[in-house]
Protein backbone atom coordinates (compact mmCIF):
# COMPACT_ATOMS: atom_id res chain seq x y z
CA UNK A 1 20.57 194.49 133.57
CA UNK A 2 20.11 192.21 130.62
CA UNK A 3 23.44 193.27 129.14
CA UNK A 4 25.12 192.68 132.47
CA UNK A 5 23.50 189.25 132.75
CA UNK A 6 24.66 188.26 129.31
CA UNK A 7 28.14 189.45 130.14
CA UNK A 8 28.23 187.42 133.34
CA UNK A 9 26.85 184.40 131.52
CA UNK A 10 29.73 184.59 129.06
CA UNK A 11 32.18 184.37 131.96
CA UNK A 12 30.70 181.16 133.37
CA UNK A 13 32.02 178.64 130.77
CA UNK A 14 35.68 179.77 131.03
CA UNK A 15 35.58 179.54 134.83
CA UNK A 16 33.91 176.14 134.64
CA UNK A 17 36.61 175.02 132.20
CA UNK A 18 39.32 176.16 134.62
CA UNK A 19 37.65 174.35 137.51
CA UNK A 20 37.30 171.14 135.52
CA UNK A 21 40.91 171.39 134.35
CA UNK A 22 41.98 171.84 137.96
CA UNK A 23 39.92 168.81 138.96
CA UNK A 24 41.54 166.66 136.26
CA UNK A 25 44.99 167.88 137.33
CA UNK A 26 44.17 167.06 140.95
CA UNK A 27 43.18 163.51 140.03
CA UNK A 28 46.37 163.01 137.98
CA UNK A 29 48.56 164.35 140.78
CA UNK A 30 46.83 162.07 143.31
CA UNK A 31 47.37 159.08 141.01
CA UNK A 32 51.07 159.97 140.90
CA UNK A 33 51.16 159.70 144.69
CA UNK A 34 51.69 163.42 145.33
CA UNK A 35 49.75 165.85 147.50
CA UNK A 36 47.74 168.16 145.17
CA UNK A 37 47.84 171.02 147.69
CA UNK A 38 51.62 170.77 147.96
CA UNK A 39 51.99 170.72 144.17
CA UNK A 40 49.71 173.75 143.91
CA UNK A 41 51.81 175.67 146.43
CA UNK A 42 55.00 174.74 144.58
CA UNK A 43 53.48 175.89 141.29
CA UNK A 44 52.39 179.20 142.78
CA UNK A 45 55.82 179.70 144.27
CA UNK A 46 57.44 178.93 140.93
CA UNK A 47 55.21 181.36 139.03
CA UNK A 48 54.79 184.42 141.26
CA UNK A 49 56.67 183.59 144.46
CA UNK A 50 59.66 185.84 143.72
CA UNK A 51 60.80 188.50 141.27
CA UNK A 52 62.63 185.81 139.35
CA UNK A 53 59.49 183.67 139.11
CA UNK A 54 57.37 186.67 138.14
CA UNK A 55 59.87 187.58 135.40
CA UNK A 56 59.75 184.01 134.09
CA UNK A 57 55.94 184.11 134.04
CA UNK A 58 55.85 187.39 132.11
CA UNK A 59 58.54 186.13 129.73
CA UNK A 60 56.43 183.06 128.94
CA UNK A 61 53.29 185.18 128.65
CA UNK A 62 54.74 187.64 126.12
CA UNK A 63 54.53 185.45 122.98
CA UNK A 64 51.22 183.99 124.22
CA UNK A 65 49.66 187.46 124.19
CA UNK A 66 50.61 187.84 120.53
CA UNK A 67 49.61 184.35 119.43
CA UNK A 68 46.38 184.66 121.40
CA UNK A 69 45.62 187.86 119.50
CA UNK A 70 46.49 186.01 116.28
CA UNK A 71 43.78 183.43 116.94
CA UNK A 72 41.29 185.97 118.28
CA UNK A 73 41.39 188.25 115.24
CA UNK A 74 40.81 185.30 112.94
CA UNK A 75 37.90 184.04 115.00
CA UNK A 76 36.34 187.50 115.04
CA UNK A 77 36.06 187.12 111.25
CA UNK A 78 34.67 183.60 111.55
CA UNK A 79 37.97 181.85 110.76
CA UNK A 80 39.91 179.42 112.96
CA UNK A 81 43.56 180.26 112.40
CA UNK A 82 45.54 177.45 114.00
CA UNK A 83 48.60 178.25 111.93
CA UNK A 84 50.11 180.62 114.47
CA UNK A 85 52.93 178.15 115.09
CA UNK A 86 54.06 178.19 111.47
CA UNK A 87 53.58 181.94 111.16
CA UNK A 88 55.66 182.42 114.31
CA UNK A 89 58.47 180.24 112.90
CA UNK A 90 58.53 182.19 109.63
CA UNK A 91 58.74 185.46 111.56
CA UNK A 92 61.46 184.10 113.82
CA UNK A 93 63.60 182.99 110.87
CA UNK A 94 63.27 186.34 109.09
CA UNK A 95 64.14 188.21 112.28
CA UNK A 96 67.20 186.03 112.83
CA UNK A 97 68.33 186.47 109.22
CA UNK A 98 68.01 190.25 109.13
CA UNK A 99 69.22 190.60 112.71
CA UNK A 100 72.47 188.86 111.80
CA UNK A 101 73.03 189.96 108.20
CA UNK A 102 71.59 193.47 107.92
CA UNK A 103 74.30 196.11 108.59
CA UNK A 104 72.31 198.78 110.44
CA UNK A 105 74.12 200.74 113.12
CA UNK A 106 71.03 202.38 114.65
CA UNK A 107 69.58 199.97 117.25
CA UNK A 108 66.02 201.31 117.05
CA UNK A 109 65.94 201.16 113.25
CA UNK A 110 67.48 197.67 113.19
CA UNK A 111 64.94 196.30 115.65
CA UNK A 112 62.03 197.95 113.83
CA UNK A 113 63.15 196.54 110.47
CA UNK A 114 63.45 193.04 111.94
CA UNK A 115 60.03 193.27 113.59
CA UNK A 116 58.33 194.56 110.45
CA UNK A 117 59.96 191.89 108.29
CA UNK A 118 58.96 189.16 110.73
CA UNK A 119 55.40 190.45 110.92
CA UNK A 120 55.13 190.77 107.16
CA UNK A 121 56.42 187.24 106.67
CA UNK A 122 53.88 185.88 109.16
CA UNK A 123 51.11 187.91 107.51
CA UNK A 124 51.90 186.60 104.03
CA UNK A 125 52.05 183.04 105.36
CA UNK A 126 48.63 183.42 107.00
CA UNK A 127 47.10 185.18 104.01
CA UNK A 128 47.80 182.13 101.85
CA UNK A 129 45.22 180.26 103.90
CA UNK A 130 42.99 183.34 103.95
CA UNK A 131 42.94 183.60 100.15
CA UNK A 132 42.29 179.88 99.74
CA UNK A 133 39.38 180.10 102.19
CA UNK A 134 37.87 183.31 100.85
CA UNK A 135 38.30 182.59 97.15
CA UNK A 136 38.07 178.81 96.86
CA UNK A 137 36.29 177.77 100.06
CA UNK A 138 39.22 175.59 101.17
CA UNK A 139 38.94 175.19 104.93
CA UNK A 140 41.43 177.35 106.83
CA UNK A 141 42.00 174.72 109.54
CA UNK A 142 43.38 172.20 107.03
CA UNK A 143 45.34 174.88 105.18
CA UNK A 144 46.97 176.33 108.28
CA UNK A 145 47.87 172.88 109.61
CA UNK A 146 49.59 172.04 106.33
CA UNK A 147 51.31 175.44 106.19
CA UNK A 148 52.67 174.79 109.68
CA UNK A 149 54.53 171.76 108.38
CA UNK A 150 55.73 173.63 105.30
CA UNK A 151 57.10 176.36 107.57
CA UNK A 152 58.86 173.85 109.84
CA UNK A 153 60.44 171.90 106.99
CA UNK A 154 61.41 174.98 104.97
CA UNK A 155 63.16 176.72 107.85
CA UNK A 156 64.84 173.45 108.90
CA UNK A 157 66.29 173.26 105.38
CA UNK A 158 67.30 176.92 105.15
CA UNK A 159 69.03 176.99 108.52
CA UNK A 160 71.46 174.33 107.30
CA UNK A 161 72.55 176.29 104.24
CA UNK A 162 76.08 177.77 104.54
CA UNK A 163 74.75 181.33 104.12
CA UNK A 164 72.57 181.07 107.22
CA UNK A 165 74.23 178.39 109.36
CA UNK A 166 76.64 179.26 112.11
CA UNK A 167 79.70 176.96 111.95
CA UNK A 168 79.35 173.92 114.18
CA UNK A 169 77.23 170.81 114.58
CA UNK A 170 74.15 172.60 115.91
CA UNK A 171 71.77 173.73 113.13
CA UNK A 172 71.37 177.38 114.04
CA UNK A 173 71.79 180.75 112.37
CA UNK A 174 74.48 183.27 113.15
CA UNK A 175 73.80 185.26 116.32
CA UNK A 176 72.00 188.54 115.75
CA UNK A 177 73.90 191.81 116.05
CA UNK A 178 73.78 193.74 119.30
CA UNK A 179 71.87 196.49 117.48
CA UNK A 180 69.05 194.03 116.73
CA UNK A 181 68.59 192.87 120.32
CA UNK A 182 65.55 193.78 122.35
CA UNK A 183 66.68 195.16 125.74
CA UNK A 184 65.98 192.91 128.69
CA UNK A 185 63.97 194.19 131.64
CA UNK A 186 66.62 193.70 134.28
CA UNK A 187 64.78 196.01 136.67
CA UNK A 188 62.35 193.13 137.28
CA UNK A 189 65.12 190.57 137.79
CA UNK A 190 68.81 190.91 136.99
CA UNK A 191 69.26 187.67 135.03
CA UNK A 192 65.87 187.52 133.35
CA UNK A 193 65.13 186.83 129.68
CA UNK A 194 62.06 189.07 129.95
CA UNK A 195 62.54 191.83 127.41
CA UNK A 196 60.94 194.88 125.80
CA UNK A 197 58.83 192.52 123.71
CA UNK A 198 56.38 192.60 126.64
CA UNK A 199 55.65 196.26 125.92
CA UNK A 200 55.31 195.48 122.20
CA UNK A 201 52.78 192.77 123.04
CA UNK A 202 50.79 195.11 125.29
CA UNK A 203 50.83 197.79 122.59
CA UNK A 204 49.52 195.18 120.14
CA UNK A 205 46.65 194.39 122.51
CA UNK A 206 45.63 198.04 122.62
CA UNK A 207 46.02 198.41 118.84
CA UNK A 208 43.88 195.32 118.12
CA UNK A 209 41.21 196.47 120.57
CA UNK A 210 41.05 199.91 118.95
CA UNK A 211 41.06 198.38 115.47
CA UNK A 212 38.20 195.98 116.11
CA UNK A 213 36.09 198.32 118.22
CA UNK A 214 36.68 201.73 116.64
CA UNK A 215 37.50 201.35 112.94
CA UNK A 216 35.32 200.65 109.93
CA UNK A 217 37.40 197.71 108.76
CA UNK A 218 37.32 196.25 112.26
CA UNK A 219 33.53 196.57 112.30
CA UNK A 220 33.36 194.83 108.92
CA UNK A 221 35.52 191.97 110.19
CA UNK A 222 33.31 191.52 113.25
CA UNK A 223 30.18 191.70 111.10
CA UNK A 224 31.47 189.00 108.76
CA UNK A 225 32.28 186.84 111.77
CA UNK A 226 28.78 187.23 113.18
CA UNK A 227 26.92 186.70 109.91
CA UNK A 228 28.75 186.72 106.56
CA UNK A 229 25.53 186.61 104.53
CA UNK A 230 24.08 189.66 106.26
CA UNK A 231 27.44 191.38 105.92
CA UNK A 232 27.45 190.80 102.17
CA UNK A 233 23.91 192.15 101.87
CA UNK A 234 25.09 195.26 103.72
CA UNK A 235 27.82 195.77 101.13
CA UNK A 236 30.76 194.36 103.12
CA UNK A 237 33.44 192.49 101.19
CA UNK A 238 33.58 189.10 102.88
CA UNK A 239 36.67 188.11 100.90
CA UNK A 240 38.60 191.22 101.91
CA UNK A 241 37.56 190.91 105.55
CA UNK A 242 38.71 187.30 105.76
CA UNK A 243 42.04 187.93 104.07
CA UNK A 244 42.77 191.03 106.15
CA UNK A 245 41.87 189.24 109.40
CA UNK A 246 44.19 186.35 108.57
CA UNK A 247 46.93 188.78 107.58
CA UNK A 248 46.67 190.71 110.84
CA UNK A 249 46.76 187.48 112.82
CA UNK A 250 49.80 186.26 110.91
CA UNK A 251 51.53 189.60 111.46
CA UNK A 252 51.06 189.28 115.22
CA UNK A 253 52.34 185.69 115.23
CA UNK A 254 55.37 186.79 113.21
CA UNK A 255 56.09 189.48 115.79
CA UNK A 256 55.92 186.79 118.48
CA UNK A 257 58.60 184.84 116.62
CA UNK A 258 60.75 187.94 116.33
CA UNK A 259 60.43 188.55 120.07
CA UNK A 260 61.70 185.04 120.78
CA UNK A 261 64.74 185.62 118.57
CA UNK A 262 65.57 189.27 119.25
CA UNK A 263 64.85 189.17 122.97
CA UNK A 264 65.46 185.60 124.15
CA UNK A 265 67.44 183.19 121.96
CA UNK A 266 69.48 185.68 119.83
CA UNK A 267 69.44 183.22 116.90
CA UNK A 268 67.18 180.78 115.09
CA UNK A 269 67.75 177.15 115.97
CA UNK A 270 66.29 174.05 114.33
CA UNK A 271 63.88 172.77 115.45
CA UNK A 272 62.67 176.09 116.81
CA UNK A 273 61.15 175.95 120.32
CA UNK A 274 57.48 175.26 119.65
CA UNK A 275 54.19 175.41 121.48
CA UNK A 276 53.45 179.13 121.67
CA UNK A 277 51.28 179.11 118.56
CA UNK A 278 49.18 176.21 119.76
CA UNK A 279 48.96 177.55 123.32
CA UNK A 280 47.69 180.79 121.82
CA UNK A 281 44.55 178.88 120.81
CA UNK A 282 43.82 178.10 124.46
CA UNK A 283 44.59 181.70 125.43
CA UNK A 284 42.14 183.10 122.88
CA UNK A 285 39.39 180.57 123.60
CA UNK A 286 39.57 181.12 127.34
CA UNK A 287 39.46 184.90 126.80
CA UNK A 288 36.48 184.54 124.44
CA UNK A 289 38.54 186.39 121.81
CA UNK A 290 38.52 189.58 123.89
CA UNK A 291 41.79 191.42 123.23
CA UNK A 292 42.01 192.92 126.71
CA UNK A 293 41.18 189.68 128.53
CA UNK A 294 43.84 187.89 126.47
CA UNK A 295 46.48 189.64 128.59
CA UNK A 296 45.12 187.96 131.72
CA UNK A 297 44.74 184.53 130.15
CA UNK A 298 48.23 184.73 128.64
CA UNK A 299 49.68 185.56 132.06
CA UNK A 300 47.72 182.62 133.49
CA UNK A 301 49.22 180.23 130.94
CA UNK A 302 52.62 181.83 131.45
CA UNK A 303 52.27 181.12 135.16
CA UNK A 304 51.36 177.51 134.36
CA UNK A 305 54.49 177.16 132.23
CA UNK A 306 56.92 178.72 134.70
CA UNK A 307 55.26 177.08 137.70
CA UNK A 308 55.18 173.74 135.89
CA UNK A 309 58.91 173.95 135.22
CA UNK A 310 59.50 174.57 138.93
CA UNK A 311 57.26 171.64 139.87
CA UNK A 312 59.20 169.43 137.46
CA UNK A 313 62.48 170.36 139.18
CA UNK A 314 61.50 169.88 142.82
CA UNK A 315 58.84 167.14 142.70
CA UNK A 316 58.05 163.91 140.87
CA UNK A 317 55.28 165.53 138.83
CA UNK A 318 56.39 166.14 135.22
CA UNK A 319 55.92 169.50 133.52
CA UNK A 320 53.78 167.75 130.90
CA UNK A 321 50.98 168.19 133.42
CA UNK A 322 50.76 171.78 132.16
CA UNK A 323 50.06 170.50 128.65
CA UNK A 324 47.31 168.28 130.05
CA UNK A 325 45.72 171.26 131.80
CA UNK A 326 45.85 173.31 128.59
CA UNK A 327 44.29 170.46 126.61
CA UNK A 328 41.46 170.03 129.12
CA UNK A 329 40.75 173.78 129.06
CA UNK A 330 40.57 173.74 125.27
CA UNK A 331 38.35 170.65 125.35
CA UNK A 332 35.75 172.12 127.69
CA UNK A 333 35.76 175.57 126.11
CA UNK A 334 35.42 173.98 122.66
CA UNK A 335 32.53 171.83 123.92
CA UNK A 336 30.74 174.97 125.05
CA UNK A 337 31.27 176.61 121.66
CA UNK A 338 29.97 173.55 119.83
CA UNK A 339 26.94 172.93 122.06
CA UNK A 340 25.91 176.59 122.38
CA UNK A 341 22.60 177.16 120.55
CA UNK A 342 22.89 179.40 117.53
CA UNK A 343 20.22 181.60 116.08
CA UNK A 344 21.88 182.17 112.73
CA UNK A 345 23.47 180.32 109.87
CA UNK A 346 27.23 179.99 109.82
CA UNK A 347 27.49 179.05 106.20
CA UNK A 348 29.89 181.26 104.29
CA UNK A 349 29.46 181.88 100.64
CA UNK A 350 32.79 182.97 99.26
CA UNK A 351 31.77 184.31 95.87
CA UNK A 352 31.70 188.08 95.74
C-alpha cells in the first residue's frame, strides 16, 4: 500500500500542473474576448477530431517522444540536458547530407545509415557537454545552451556552401534520395506527413525502458542520478555514467532530427524548424522521466500543437497560446522539483 501511495503521490504534481496551465489558458482566452469552452472544443477537434487531425497529432508527437527520452535519460543520471535542440539540428544536417549525397540503392540500408549517422552526430555533440561536466565540473546546462548556438550557427554556415546548397535563394540542402525517405503512414490519412519514424520512436521508448530497468549500465546510471557519492563508494564510475547518459540522450535527439528530414521535410533548411528539443523538456518533466509515460505526454503536446494550429486558423486566438501552456507546465513542474524535500546530498564530485 505504501508503494502504491507513493506512486499516486508522484502523479499529483503533473496533474496539478496541467490544471493550473489550463486555468492560465482559460484566463488568457477570456481576456482575448473568446469563449474558453468553444476554443477547447476547436482544439480537440483539430487534434483528434478526424483521421487527418489524429495523423497531425502523431506526426507532431514523434520527435517529442525522442527529445523527451533525450532529456529523461540525462536526468536519470542527475544531468539536465537542455541541448536536445542543437543535437537534433546536428542529426538533421547529417541525415540530409548523407540522404542526398550517399549513393546507396538499397532503401533499408540507406535509411539505416542516415539514422545511425544522425544519432552518432547527436551523441558526440551531447558528449562534449558530458565530458566537460564529468571531468571538469562545468555545468551541463550552460554547456548545452552554448552548444545549441554553435550547432545553429555551424549548420547555417554549412548549408550555404556550394557542396551542400541546392541552387536557388532559399538556404537549403539538396533533396534526399528516394531511397533515404521514411515511408509515410498513408493508411492513417492519405496526405499525412506522419511516417515510419513513429515506430522508430516507439521502439526507442521500449529500448530505453529495458536499458534503464534491466541492464547493469542502466542501473549504474540511475544510481549515479540518485546519489553519485554512494554510487562511487559502490564502485560505479560516475564519469562514465554521466558521459554515457549524455551520449544516449544525444543519439535519440539526433534520430529525432533525422526523422524530421527523412520523413517530413526531405531536406535541411536554414533556419531549421525549431522547438522540438525544448518541448522535449516539458514532455520529460511532465512524465517524471518515465520512458513509457513519455509516449502519453508527447502525444498530449502533439495534440496541443496540432489543435493550436487549428485554433489559430479558425479563431482569433493565436497558436502561441500553446507555447504559453507549455511554459506554465514547465514552471509548475519545476517548482515542485525545486521545493520537494530531499533526504540526500546532490553534490557531485567529478574526480574518479
